[in-house]
Protein backbone atom coordinates (compact mmCIF):
# COMPACT_ATOMS: atom_id res chain seq x y z
CA UNK A 1 51.99 66.05 -12.88
CA UNK A 2 53.71 62.54 -12.45
CA UNK A 3 54.60 60.99 -9.43
CA UNK A 4 58.27 60.43 -8.77
CA UNK A 5 59.85 57.52 -10.51
CA UNK A 6 56.89 57.48 -12.92
CA UNK A 7 58.19 57.25 -16.64
CA UNK A 8 55.87 59.23 -19.23
CA UNK A 9 53.37 56.69 -20.55
CA UNK A 10 53.34 54.43 -17.41
CA UNK A 11 50.67 54.11 -15.05
CA UNK A 12 51.11 55.92 -11.56
CA UNK A 13 51.16 55.14 -7.94
CA UNK A 14 47.98 54.73 -6.10
CA UNK A 15 47.18 58.45 -5.32
CA UNK A 16 48.54 59.98 -8.77
CA UNK A 17 45.37 59.86 -10.72
CA UNK A 18 42.56 62.55 -9.89
CA UNK A 19 40.07 60.78 -7.48
CA UNK A 20 42.26 57.83 -6.69
CA UNK A 21 42.94 56.73 -3.12
CA UNK A 22 45.80 58.61 -1.15
CA UNK A 23 48.92 56.23 -1.14
CA UNK A 24 49.78 54.21 1.81
CA UNK A 25 52.76 54.30 3.83
CA UNK A 26 53.59 50.83 2.65
CA UNK A 27 53.09 51.71 -0.92
CA UNK A 28 55.02 55.04 -0.55
CA UNK A 29 58.18 52.94 0.89
CA UNK A 30 57.92 50.56 -1.90
CA UNK A 31 57.78 53.20 -4.54
CA UNK A 32 60.65 55.36 -2.83
CA UNK A 33 62.80 52.24 -2.46
CA UNK A 34 62.62 51.72 -6.21
CA UNK A 35 63.43 55.30 -6.97
CA UNK A 36 66.33 55.36 -4.61
CA UNK A 37 67.82 51.84 -5.70
CA UNK A 38 71.28 52.15 -6.31
CA UNK A 39 71.82 54.73 -3.46
CA UNK A 40 73.27 53.63 -0.02
CA UNK A 41 70.55 52.30 2.44
CA UNK A 42 67.58 53.04 0.09
CA UNK A 43 65.03 51.56 2.19
CA UNK A 44 66.42 53.21 5.28
CA UNK A 45 66.52 56.72 3.54
CA UNK A 46 62.87 56.19 2.55
CA UNK A 47 61.73 55.44 6.06
CA UNK A 48 63.62 58.08 7.58
CA UNK A 49 62.34 60.72 5.09
CA UNK A 50 58.69 59.39 5.64
CA UNK A 51 59.45 59.59 9.43
CA UNK A 52 60.40 62.99 9.34
CA UNK A 53 57.42 64.25 7.15
CA UNK A 54 55.04 62.29 9.35
CA UNK A 55 56.54 63.39 12.46
CA UNK A 56 56.33 59.55 13.41
CA UNK A 57 58.77 56.78 14.32
CA UNK A 58 59.77 53.81 12.60
CA UNK A 59 58.08 51.46 14.98
CA UNK A 60 54.82 53.42 13.97
CA UNK A 61 55.46 52.98 10.23
CA UNK A 62 56.06 48.93 10.76
CA UNK A 63 52.93 48.80 13.00
CA UNK A 64 50.47 50.82 10.82
CA UNK A 65 51.98 50.33 7.28
CA UNK A 66 48.42 50.84 5.57
CA UNK A 67 47.42 54.35 7.13
CA UNK A 68 47.20 56.92 4.26
CA UNK A 69 49.92 59.68 3.63
CA UNK A 70 48.11 63.00 3.49
CA UNK A 71 48.22 64.67 0.33
CA UNK A 72 50.34 67.65 1.69
CA UNK A 73 52.71 65.17 2.75
CA UNK A 74 53.05 63.39 -0.49
CA UNK A 75 53.97 66.84 -1.89
CA UNK A 76 56.82 67.29 0.78
CA UNK A 77 58.19 63.93 0.03
CA UNK A 78 58.11 64.26 -3.53
CA UNK A 79 60.32 67.23 -2.97
CA UNK A 80 62.49 65.82 -0.59
CA UNK A 81 62.99 62.69 -2.54
CA UNK A 82 63.82 64.58 -5.79
CA UNK A 83 66.61 66.34 -3.70
CA UNK A 84 68.22 63.43 -2.41
CA UNK A 85 67.88 61.74 -5.92
CA UNK A 86 70.16 65.16 -6.99
CA UNK A 87 72.52 64.26 -4.51
CA UNK A 88 71.73 66.35 -1.47
CA UNK A 89 72.84 64.80 1.79
CA UNK A 90 70.27 62.97 3.54
CA UNK A 91 71.25 64.68 6.75
CA UNK A 92 70.32 67.95 5.29
CA UNK A 93 66.89 66.93 4.44
CA UNK A 94 66.10 65.58 7.59
CA UNK A 95 67.88 68.51 9.63
CA UNK A 96 69.88 66.18 11.80
CA UNK A 97 72.68 63.68 11.99
CA UNK A 98 73.28 60.90 14.71
CA UNK A 99 76.86 61.35 16.61
CA UNK A 100 78.16 59.21 19.41
CA UNK A 101 74.57 58.19 19.99
CA UNK A 102 72.81 61.69 19.93
CA UNK A 103 70.98 63.35 17.31
CA UNK A 104 72.56 67.02 16.35
CA UNK A 105 70.61 69.78 14.29
CA UNK A 106 72.68 70.37 11.05
CA UNK A 107 72.19 72.55 8.16
CA UNK A 108 73.59 73.68 4.87
CA UNK A 109 75.75 76.03 7.11
CA UNK A 110 77.23 73.27 9.28
CA UNK A 111 79.55 70.48 8.20
CA UNK A 112 77.67 66.98 8.78
CA UNK A 113 79.33 65.21 11.71
CA UNK A 114 81.12 61.97 10.37
CA UNK A 115 81.72 58.76 12.42
CA UNK A 116 85.37 59.14 12.05
CA UNK A 117 85.22 62.33 14.36
CA UNK A 118 83.99 60.27 17.17
CA UNK A 119 87.37 58.82 17.82
CA UNK A 120 88.34 62.15 19.31
CA UNK A 121 85.66 61.84 21.63
CA UNK A 122 86.73 58.21 22.51
CA UNK A 123 90.46 59.46 22.93
CA UNK A 124 89.43 62.19 25.39
CA UNK A 125 87.43 60.10 27.56
CA UNK A 126 89.87 57.37 27.62
CA UNK A 127 92.98 59.60 28.47
CA UNK A 128 91.31 62.05 30.92
CA UNK A 129 89.60 60.13 33.36
CA UNK A 130 89.83 63.41 35.90
CA UNK A 131 86.45 64.58 37.30
CA UNK A 132 87.08 67.89 35.98
CA UNK A 133 88.33 68.89 32.96
CA UNK A 134 88.40 72.26 31.18
CA UNK A 135 88.58 72.19 27.54
CA UNK A 136 88.18 74.01 24.02
CA UNK A 137 86.58 73.02 20.74
CA UNK A 138 88.08 74.97 18.00
CA UNK A 139 85.87 75.32 15.09
CA UNK A 140 82.95 73.58 16.95
CA UNK A 141 80.54 73.96 13.91
CA UNK A 142 77.25 71.98 14.99
CA UNK A 143 78.93 71.45 18.42
CA UNK A 144 79.22 67.63 18.08
CA UNK A 145 82.54 67.52 19.77
CA UNK A 146 81.99 69.90 22.60
CA UNK A 147 78.41 69.15 23.34
CA UNK A 148 79.18 65.38 23.46
CA UNK A 149 82.11 65.75 25.69
CA UNK A 150 79.78 68.04 27.94
CA UNK A 151 77.02 65.57 27.90
CA UNK A 152 79.44 62.57 28.53
CA UNK A 153 81.14 64.02 31.44
CA UNK A 154 78.86 66.18 33.48
CA UNK A 155 81.66 67.75 35.47
CA UNK A 156 83.62 68.83 32.43
CA UNK A 157 83.30 72.49 31.18
CA UNK A 158 84.13 73.77 27.74
CA UNK A 159 84.48 76.66 25.35
CA UNK A 160 83.15 76.32 21.99
CA UNK A 161 84.80 78.57 19.38
CA UNK A 162 83.36 79.13 15.63
CA UNK A 163 84.05 82.09 13.15
CA UNK A 164 80.38 81.46 12.19
CA UNK A 165 77.75 83.01 14.31
CA UNK A 166 75.01 80.98 12.64
CA UNK A 167 77.01 77.61 13.35
CA UNK A 168 77.39 78.78 16.91
CA UNK A 169 73.66 79.33 17.07
CA UNK A 170 73.01 75.91 15.89
CA UNK A 171 75.48 74.43 18.39
CA UNK A 172 73.79 76.58 21.11
CA UNK A 173 70.44 74.84 20.07
CA UNK A 174 72.03 71.45 20.32
CA UNK A 175 73.38 72.08 23.66
CA UNK A 176 70.26 72.85 25.02
CA UNK A 177 68.62 70.12 23.51
CA UNK A 178 70.96 67.87 25.01
CA UNK A 179 71.12 69.31 28.57
CA UNK A 180 74.85 70.29 27.94
CA UNK A 181 74.54 74.28 27.61
CA UNK A 182 74.98 75.03 31.12
CA UNK A 183 78.55 73.46 31.16
CA UNK A 184 79.58 75.08 27.45
CA UNK A 185 80.37 78.79 26.63
CA UNK A 186 80.19 79.54 23.15
CA UNK A 187 82.55 82.34 21.45
CA UNK A 188 82.42 83.70 17.96
CA UNK A 189 86.12 84.46 17.05
CA UNK A 190 88.69 83.42 14.53
CA UNK A 191 91.06 80.87 16.07
CA UNK A 192 93.47 81.51 13.06
CA UNK A 193 93.96 84.87 13.93
CA UNK A 194 97.29 85.51 15.66
CA UNK A 195 96.79 86.63 19.44
CA UNK A 196 93.51 84.76 19.40
CA UNK A 197 94.66 83.13 22.52
CA UNK A 198 95.33 86.15 24.33
CA UNK A 199 91.97 86.91 25.58
CA UNK A 200 91.37 83.16 26.60
CA UNK A 201 92.42 80.66 29.52
CA UNK A 202 95.91 79.54 29.53
CA UNK A 203 95.13 76.60 31.65
CA UNK A 204 93.03 74.34 29.61
CA UNK A 205 93.41 70.35 30.01
CA UNK A 206 91.92 69.57 26.54
CA UNK A 207 92.01 71.22 22.87
CA UNK A 208 89.84 69.03 20.34
CA UNK A 209 89.32 70.47 16.89
CA UNK A 210 87.94 68.96 13.68
CA UNK A 211 89.26 71.81 11.44
CA UNK A 212 89.06 72.28 7.57
CA UNK A 213 91.83 70.26 6.24
CA UNK A 214 91.07 69.63 2.67
CA UNK A 215 93.33 70.84 0.00
CA UNK A 216 92.16 72.90 -3.10
CA UNK A 217 93.29 69.98 -5.53
CA UNK A 218 91.87 67.38 -3.26
CA UNK A 219 88.56 69.35 -2.97
CA UNK A 220 87.91 69.20 -6.72
CA UNK A 221 87.87 65.52 -6.66
CA UNK A 222 85.41 65.18 -3.69
CA UNK A 223 82.23 63.34 -3.96
CA UNK A 224 79.59 65.70 -5.35
CA UNK A 225 77.31 65.16 -2.54
CA UNK A 226 80.04 66.66 -0.16
CA UNK A 227 81.54 69.42 -2.61
CA UNK A 228 78.23 70.76 -3.94
CA UNK A 229 76.31 70.92 -0.62
CA UNK A 230 78.58 71.20 2.42
CA UNK A 231 80.07 74.53 3.10
CA UNK A 232 83.73 75.00 1.35
CA UNK A 233 84.68 76.91 4.34
CA UNK A 234 84.11 74.30 6.79
CA UNK A 235 86.12 71.68 4.46
CA UNK A 236 89.08 73.92 2.84
CA UNK A 237 91.28 76.11 4.67
CA UNK A 238 93.81 76.89 1.69
CA UNK A 239 95.64 75.65 -1.14
CA UNK A 240 97.61 72.92 1.06
CA UNK A 241 94.68 71.85 3.69
CA UNK A 242 97.37 72.35 6.49
CA UNK A 243 96.52 76.19 7.03
CA UNK A 244 94.15 75.38 9.91
CA UNK A 245 95.41 72.29 11.26
CA UNK A 246 98.86 74.77 11.61
CA UNK A 247 96.62 77.37 13.39
CA UNK A 248 94.85 74.73 15.92
CA UNK A 249 98.37 73.60 17.00
CA UNK A 250 99.59 77.15 17.45
CA UNK A 251 96.38 78.11 19.55
CA UNK A 252 96.69 75.03 21.14
CA UNK A 253 100.33 75.52 22.50
CA UNK A 254 99.04 78.66 24.07
CA UNK A 255 95.92 77.77 25.85
CA UNK A 256 96.70 74.42 27.13
CA UNK A 257 98.80 73.96 30.45
CA UNK A 258 101.67 71.81 30.73
CA UNK A 259 100.59 68.20 30.21
CA UNK A 260 97.54 69.23 28.27
CA UNK A 261 95.98 67.16 25.48
CA UNK A 262 95.61 68.37 21.93
CA UNK A 263 93.47 65.91 19.74
CA UNK A 264 92.68 67.28 16.11
CA UNK A 265 91.20 65.48 13.16
CA UNK A 266 93.29 65.66 9.81
CA UNK A 267 93.26 63.95 6.41
CA UNK A 268 94.16 60.40 5.84
CA UNK A 269 97.46 61.39 3.70
CA UNK A 270 98.38 64.01 6.36
CA UNK A 271 99.66 62.48 9.39
CA UNK A 272 103.35 63.18 8.95
CA UNK A 273 102.92 66.73 7.83
CA UNK A 274 100.63 67.31 11.12
CA UNK A 275 103.22 65.80 13.27
CA UNK A 276 105.83 67.86 11.67
CA UNK A 277 103.63 70.91 13.13
CA UNK A 278 104.36 69.83 16.61
CA UNK A 279 108.45 70.63 17.44
CA UNK A 280 110.11 68.60 20.36
CA UNK A 281 110.56 71.68 22.34
CA UNK A 282 106.76 72.26 22.67
CA UNK A 283 105.51 69.08 22.34
CA UNK A 284 105.74 65.27 23.71
CA UNK A 285 104.02 61.96 22.94
CA UNK A 286 103.26 62.99 19.51
CA UNK A 287 101.09 60.33 17.77
CA UNK A 288 99.02 59.64 15.15
CA UNK A 289 95.60 57.64 15.68
CA UNK A 290 93.87 55.63 12.72
CA UNK A 291 90.14 55.24 12.09
CA UNK A 292 88.55 52.00 11.75
CA UNK A 293 89.49 51.72 8.26
CA UNK A 294 93.24 51.85 9.18
CA UNK A 295 93.69 55.14 8.06
CA UNK A 296 95.69 58.05 9.57
CA UNK A 297 92.82 60.38 11.16
CA UNK A 298 93.81 62.30 13.87
CA UNK A 299 96.75 63.99 16.16
CA UNK A 300 97.23 63.35 19.73
CA UNK A 301 99.92 65.71 21.18
CA UNK A 302 100.85 66.38 24.83
CA UNK A 303 102.10 70.13 25.82
CA UNK A 304 105.49 69.99 27.49
């Protein structure tokens, strides 16, 4: 079997021939960097994969570059590298993604947290300086929003809602690992169902949500690394992409107290359409927030 990145008829890397020494960490990183050339942050990707398989740190890799990579680790690394070269997101290979300075467990059943979603956390913390806040996260997925808010504000309490029990289990594990589980309640429910709010609290200070908002036509044009690997149900709510955002606005109006805040992520071209979901008899101070690229990214609205 040829080592990764080795063309037929070429010499393999150290350790690829029977009886040759095991590949060192330095050598493997060089090989992986070449194989990944042309992909984003190829050296960093190689380091993360090696750290994950060896259960070590980047500091340890730098400090001990000539330690050998065990044969069983080589096998695992070859598999992961092939999957990355095929386009599978790095977060799924590692099993985690950083969000707001914390590592969140993710898998193929949960959407990978994006840096853009951190704007919702920034906005909530800035707008609600109160010591005690009760909030809901609709469509929590990995729990990155709910867990982060609870971790950042130890006196805040929240309800994390998702239709997927698998996603909720992932969110629970993240909450437990990040010491936020005692301030969160996890509910398996469909927030798009009419009457969802009847069983809940009608006096919340805050609702946050990063719902599916990609339309069918837009989905077809997504990067294959997203379209082919991340769960479609976490991306596409229906033909227009506005089906779940509309449901979030409706549910939020029922469960927020007067003066309560809704923060919801949406697509870069959806700002005007999402604002239109907030009629003035129900909502005030309706605004569109922008991300660091200057694109429309989230709705902020206050319950009348």
